[in-house]
C-alpha atoms as a PDB file:
ATOM      1  CA  UNK A   1      -5.003  22.838   5.340  1.00  0.00           C
ATOM      2  CA  UNK A   2      -1.727  21.703   6.110  1.00  0.00           C
ATOM      3  CA  UNK A   3       0.454  18.881   4.524  1.00  0.00           C
ATOM      4  CA  UNK A   4       2.546  16.364   6.810  1.00  0.00           C
ATOM      5  CA  UNK A   5       5.099  14.166   5.502  1.00  0.00           C
ATOM      6  CA  UNK A   6       7.487  11.681   7.258  1.00  0.00           C
ATOM      7  CA  UNK A   7      10.785  10.335   5.384  1.00  0.00           C
ATOM      8  CA  UNK A   8       9.894   9.811   1.878  1.00  0.00           C
ATOM      9  CA  UNK A   9       6.595  11.307   2.164  1.00  0.00           C
ATOM     10  CA  UNK A  10       8.307  14.751   2.689  1.00  0.00           C
ATOM     11  CA  UNK A  11       8.980  14.911  -0.876  1.00  0.00           C
ATOM     12  CA  UNK A  12       5.324  14.998  -1.941  1.00  0.00           C
ATOM     13  CA  UNK A  13       4.190  17.200   0.959  1.00  0.00           C
ATOM     14  CA  UNK A  14       6.586  20.014  -0.037  1.00  0.00           C
ATOM     15  CA  UNK A  15       5.965  19.340  -3.917  1.00  0.00           C
ATOM     16  CA  UNK A  16       2.171  19.780  -3.285  1.00  0.00           C
ATOM     17  CA  UNK A  17       2.861  22.841  -1.118  1.00  0.00           C
ATOM     18  CA  UNK A  18       5.458  24.486  -3.682  1.00  0.00           C
ATOM     19  CA  UNK A  19       3.203  23.624  -6.843  1.00  0.00           C
ATOM     20  CA  UNK A  20      -0.300  24.001  -5.455  1.00  0.00           C
ATOM     21  CA  UNK A  21       0.416  26.956  -2.915  1.00  0.00           C
ATOM     22  CA  UNK A  22      -3.269  28.094  -3.232  1.00  0.00           C
ATOM     23  CA  UNK A  23      -4.263  24.665  -1.544  1.00  0.00           C
ATOM     24  CA  UNK A  24      -1.725  24.443   1.360  1.00  0.00           C
ATOM     25  CA  UNK A  25      -1.508  26.789   4.480  1.00  0.00           C
ATOM     26  CA  UNK A  26       1.420  25.022   5.817  1.00  0.00           C
ATOM     27  CA  UNK A  27       3.796  22.125   5.796  1.00  0.00           C
ATOM     28  CA  UNK A  28       5.234  19.776   8.452  1.00  0.00           C
ATOM     29  CA  UNK A  29       7.874  17.426   7.513  1.00  0.00           C
ATOM     30  CA  UNK A  30       9.687  15.025   9.589  1.00  0.00           C
ATOM     31  CA  UNK A  31      13.188  13.403   8.553  1.00  0.00           C
ATOM     32  CA  UNK A  32      12.933  15.191   5.106  1.00  0.00           C
ATOM     33  CA  UNK A  33      15.132  15.277   2.282  1.00  0.00           C
ATOM     34  CA  UNK A  34      15.579  18.731   0.627  1.00  0.00           C
ATOM     35  CA  UNK A  35      15.556  17.263  -3.023  1.00  0.00           C
ATOM     36  CA  UNK A  36      13.547  15.220  -5.258  1.00  0.00           C
ATOM     37  CA  UNK A  37      15.009  11.468  -4.689  1.00  0.00           C
ATOM     38  CA  UNK A  38      14.986   8.795  -7.285  1.00  0.00           C
ATOM     39  CA  UNK A  39      12.200   6.488  -7.677  1.00  0.00           C
ATOM     40  CA  UNK A  40      12.203   3.215  -5.588  1.00  0.00           C
ATOM     41  CA  UNK A  41      13.161   0.326  -6.394  1.00  0.00           C
ATOM     42  CA  UNK A  42      14.300   1.115 -10.052  1.00  0.00           C
ATOM     43  CA  UNK A  43      15.703   4.408 -10.060  1.00  0.00           C
ATOM     44  CA  UNK A  44      14.329   7.310 -12.416  1.00  0.00           C
ATOM     45  CA  UNK A  45      12.110   9.923 -11.390  1.00  0.00           C
ATOM     46  CA  UNK A  46       9.818   9.499  -8.468  1.00  0.00           C
ATOM     47  CA  UNK A  47       7.688  12.339  -9.024  1.00  0.00           C
ATOM     48  CA  UNK A  48       5.788  14.111 -11.938  1.00  0.00           C
ATOM     49  CA  UNK A  49       4.322  17.486 -12.331  1.00  0.00           C
ATOM     50  CA  UNK A  50       1.842  18.126 -15.392  1.00  0.00           C
ATOM     51  CA  UNK A  51       2.575  14.594 -16.631  1.00  0.00           C
ATOM     52  CA  UNK A  52       6.540  15.404 -16.755  1.00  0.00           C
ATOM     53  CA  UNK A  53       9.038  13.936 -14.577  1.00  0.00           C
ATOM     54  CA  UNK A  54      10.393  15.999 -11.866  1.00  0.00           C
ATOM     55  CA  UNK A  55      14.220  15.301 -12.050  1.00  0.00           C
ATOM     56  CA  UNK A  56      15.859  13.087  -9.525  1.00  0.00           C
ATOM     57  CA  UNK A  57      18.223  15.018  -7.390  1.00  0.00           C
ATOM     58  CA  UNK A  58      16.531  18.494  -8.236  1.00  0.00           C
ATOM     59  CA  UNK A  59      16.158  20.575  -5.247  1.00  0.00           C
ATOM     60  CA  UNK A  60      12.420  21.060  -4.015  1.00  0.00           C
ATOM     61  CA  UNK A  61      11.498  24.294  -4.609  1.00  0.00           C
ATOM     62  CA  UNK A  62      10.243  25.304  -1.045  1.00  0.00           C
ATOM     63  CA  UNK A  63      10.701  29.093  -1.693  1.00  0.00           C
ATOM     64  CA  UNK A  64       7.319  28.889  -3.445  1.00  0.00           C
ATOM     65  CA  UNK A  65       5.303  27.950  -0.675  1.00  0.00           C
ATOM     66  CA  UNK A  66       2.796  30.400   0.584  1.00  0.00           C
ATOM     67  CA  UNK A  67       2.625  29.597   4.290  1.00  0.00           C
ATOM     68  CA  UNK A  68       4.647  28.514   7.057  1.00  0.00           C
ATOM     69  CA  UNK A  69       6.878  25.189   7.445  1.00  0.00           C
ATOM     70  CA  UNK A  70       8.191  23.107  10.324  1.00  0.00           C
ATOM     71  CA  UNK A  71      11.124  20.904   9.642  1.00  0.00           C
ATOM     72  CA  UNK A  72      11.885  18.255  12.278  1.00  0.00           C
ATOM     73  CA  UNK A  73      15.245  15.958  12.136  1.00  0.00           C
ATOM     74  CA  UNK A  74      17.358  13.723  14.180  1.00  0.00           C
ATOM     75  CA  UNK A  75      21.224  14.503  14.125  1.00  0.00           C
ATOM     76  CA  UNK A  76      22.019  10.864  13.953  1.00  0.00           C
ATOM     77  CA  UNK A  77      19.758   9.853  11.091  1.00  0.00           C
ATOM     78  CA  UNK A  78      21.172   6.654   9.458  1.00  0.00           C
ATOM     79  CA  UNK A  79      18.528   6.736   6.551  1.00  0.00           C
ATOM     80  CA  UNK A  80      19.478   9.928   4.875  1.00  0.00           C
ATOM     81  CA  UNK A  81      21.074  13.184   5.922  1.00  0.00           C
ATOM     82  CA  UNK A  82      17.873  14.522   6.956  1.00  0.00           C
ATOM     83  CA  UNK A  83      19.587  17.099   9.356  1.00  0.00           C
ATOM     84  CA  UNK A  84      21.578  18.506   6.572  1.00  0.00           C
ATOM     85  CA  UNK A  85      18.390  18.850   4.364  1.00  0.00           C
ATOM     86  CA  UNK A  86      16.857  20.922   7.106  1.00  0.00           C
ATOM     87  CA  UNK A  87      19.723  23.094   6.758  1.00  0.00           C
ATOM     88  CA  UNK A  88      19.497  23.028   2.895  1.00  0.00           C
ATOM     89  CA  UNK A  89      15.949  23.989   2.981  1.00  0.00           C
ATOM     90  CA  UNK A  90      16.236  26.583   5.488  1.00  0.00           C
ATOM     91  CA  UNK A  91      19.360  28.235   3.472  1.00  0.00           C
ATOM     92  CA  UNK A  92      17.105  27.854   0.072  1.00  0.00           C
ATOM     93  CA  UNK A  93      14.435  29.889   2.315  1.00  0.00           C
ATOM     94  CA  UNK A  94      16.839  32.623   3.334  1.00  0.00           C
ATOM     95  CA  UNK A  95      18.240  32.931  -0.106  1.00  0.00           C
ATOM     96  CA  UNK A  96      14.752  33.557  -1.631  1.00  0.00           C
ATOM     97  CA  UNK A  97      13.885  35.957   1.221  1.00  0.00           C
ATOM     98  CA  UNK A  98      11.020  33.632   2.298  1.00  0.00           C
ATOM     99  CA  UNK A  99       8.167  35.798   3.967  1.00  0.00           C
ATOM    100  CA  UNK A 100       6.496  32.961   6.188  1.00  0.00           C
ATOM    101  CA  UNK A 101       7.306  31.682   9.622  1.00  0.00           C
ATOM    102  CA  UNK A 102       9.578  28.569   9.534  1.00  0.00           C
ATOM    103  CA  UNK A 103      10.953  26.555  12.350  1.00  0.00           C
ATOM    104  CA  UNK A 104      13.787  24.018  11.961  1.00  0.00           C
ATOM    105  CA  UNK A 105      14.186  21.547  14.759  1.00  0.00           C
ATOM    106  CA  UNK A 106      17.116  19.177  14.645  1.00  0.00           C
ATOM    107  CA  UNK A 107      17.137  16.840  17.622  1.00  0.00           C
ATOM    108  CA  UNK A 108      20.655  15.798  19.286  1.00  0.00           C
ATOM    109  CA  UNK A 109      21.189  11.909  19.123  1.00  0.00           C
ATOM    110  CA  UNK A 110      17.876  11.261  17.598  1.00  0.00           C
ATOM    111  CA  UNK A 111      17.767   9.452  14.434  1.00  0.00           C
ATOM    112  CA  UNK A 112      15.163   8.797  11.362  1.00  0.00           C
ATOM    113  CA  UNK A 113      12.684   7.724  14.040  1.00  0.00           C
ATOM    114  CA  UNK A 114      12.528  11.444  15.193  1.00  0.00           C
ATOM    115  CA  UNK A 115       8.837  11.911  14.670  1.00  0.00           C
ATOM    116  CA  UNK A 116       4.998  11.614  14.633  1.00  0.00           C
ATOM    117  CA  UNK A 117       3.170  10.343  17.816  1.00  0.00           C
ATOM    118  CA  UNK A 118       4.735  10.385  21.278  1.00  0.00           C
ATOM    119  CA  UNK A 119       4.414   7.644  23.914  1.00  0.00           C
ATOM    120  CA  UNK A 120       4.685   4.728  21.561  1.00  0.00           C
ATOM    121  CA  UNK A 121       7.595   2.372  21.346  1.00  0.00           C
ATOM    122  CA  UNK A 122      10.287   2.984  18.836  1.00  0.00           C
ATOM    123  CA  UNK A 123      13.191   1.083  18.060  1.00  0.00           C
ATOM    124  CA  UNK A 124      16.443   2.169  15.966  1.00  0.00           C
ATOM    125  CA  UNK A 125      16.099  -0.379  13.215  1.00  0.00           C
ATOM    126  CA  UNK A 126      13.282  -1.689  11.156  1.00  0.00           C
ATOM    127  CA  UNK A 127      12.602  -4.528   8.486  1.00  0.00           C
ATOM    128  CA  UNK A 128      12.311  -2.903   5.286  1.00  0.00           C
ATOM    129  CA  UNK A 129       8.769  -3.371   3.800  1.00  0.00           C
ATOM    130  CA  UNK A 130      10.047  -4.293   0.297  1.00  0.00           C
ATOM    131  CA  UNK A 131      13.381  -5.652   0.543  1.00  0.00           C
ATOM    132  CA  UNK A 132      12.616  -7.191   3.942  1.00  0.00           C
ATOM    133  CA  UNK A 133      16.336  -6.132   5.092  1.00  0.00           C
ATOM    134  CA  UNK A 134      17.162  -4.769   8.307  1.00  0.00           C
ATOM    135  CA  UNK A 135      17.580  -0.823   8.014  1.00  0.00           C
ATOM    136  CA  UNK A 136      19.351   1.177  10.794  1.00  0.00           C
ATOM    137  CA  UNK A 137      17.500   4.304  11.661  1.00  0.00           C
ATOM    138  CA  UNK A 138      19.928   5.630  13.944  1.00  0.00           C
ATOM    139  CA  UNK A 139      19.597   7.573  17.211  1.00  0.00           C
ATOM    140  CA  UNK A 140      19.160   6.275  20.609  1.00  0.00           C
ATOM    141  CA  UNK A 141      15.802   5.029  21.840  1.00  0.00           C
ATOM    142  CA  UNK A 142      15.534   7.609  24.775  1.00  0.00           C
ATOM    143  CA  UNK A 143      16.787  10.760  22.244  1.00  0.00           C
ATOM    144  CA  UNK A 144      14.143   9.350  19.567  1.00  0.00           C
ATOM    145  CA  UNK A 145      11.258   9.364  22.179  1.00  0.00           C
ATOM    146  CA  UNK A 146      12.414  12.775  23.646  1.00  0.00           C
ATOM    147  CA  UNK A 147      12.064  13.894  20.142  1.00  0.00           C
ATOM    148  CA  UNK A 148       8.855  12.680  19.547  1.00  0.00           C
ATOM    149  CA  UNK A 149       7.542  14.326  22.686  1.00  0.00           C
ATOM    150  CA  UNK A 150       8.832  17.599  22.115  1.00  0.00           C
ATOM    151  CA  UNK A 151       8.156  17.607  18.299  1.00  0.00           C
ATOM    152  CA  UNK A 152       4.562  16.688  18.642  1.00  0.00           C
ATOM    153  CA  UNK A 153       3.867  19.605  20.885  1.00  0.00           C
ATOM    154  CA  UNK A 154       5.530  21.557  18.222  1.00  0.00           C
ATOM    155  CA  UNK A 155       3.428  20.210  15.315  1.00  0.00           C
ATOM    156  CA  UNK A 156       0.414  20.832  17.516  1.00  0.00           C
ATOM    157  CA  UNK A 157       1.193  24.394  18.177  1.00  0.00           C
ATOM    158  CA  UNK A 158       2.104  24.706  14.622  1.00  0.00           C
ATOM    159  CA  UNK A 159      -1.129  23.393  13.338  1.00  0.00           C
ATOM    160  CA  UNK A 160      -2.861  25.623  15.750  1.00  0.00           C
ATOM    161  CA  UNK A 161      -1.623  28.715  14.337  1.00  0.00           C
ATOM    162  CA  UNK A 162      -2.720  28.152  10.695  1.00  0.00           C
END
């Protein structure tokens, strides 16, 4: 079984894999963060483990994963620095001599809309579901579409290998 997360969902995808490695065979994350972010909209811890808060800003312990990981990001992400987070995750894996396959894909000129299903229209801005404000995702439509096409095939290959 694999966990898959996009944007804010990358935190629980990696946390479940890290804290319950016996349940997860692999992790796929699109536009990830490398740290536990603050709770939205009021701040504080967003996640808990065994009833205790996971400190906001703490690195996600990806070295505890017991299987491969696939990270996908755009280098023009305007929501948060997902390309930098991909590098931070791979650096952490290297520092801990991670023994499983990993693949890090950072797509040029793609933004936060880098992932999931190809061949669907995707803009470079969205309306935030809570605040109602307009959010710039970054990237260009052609680059995001190319990243989605390429990334989707990589995700399917990754899952087939599990």
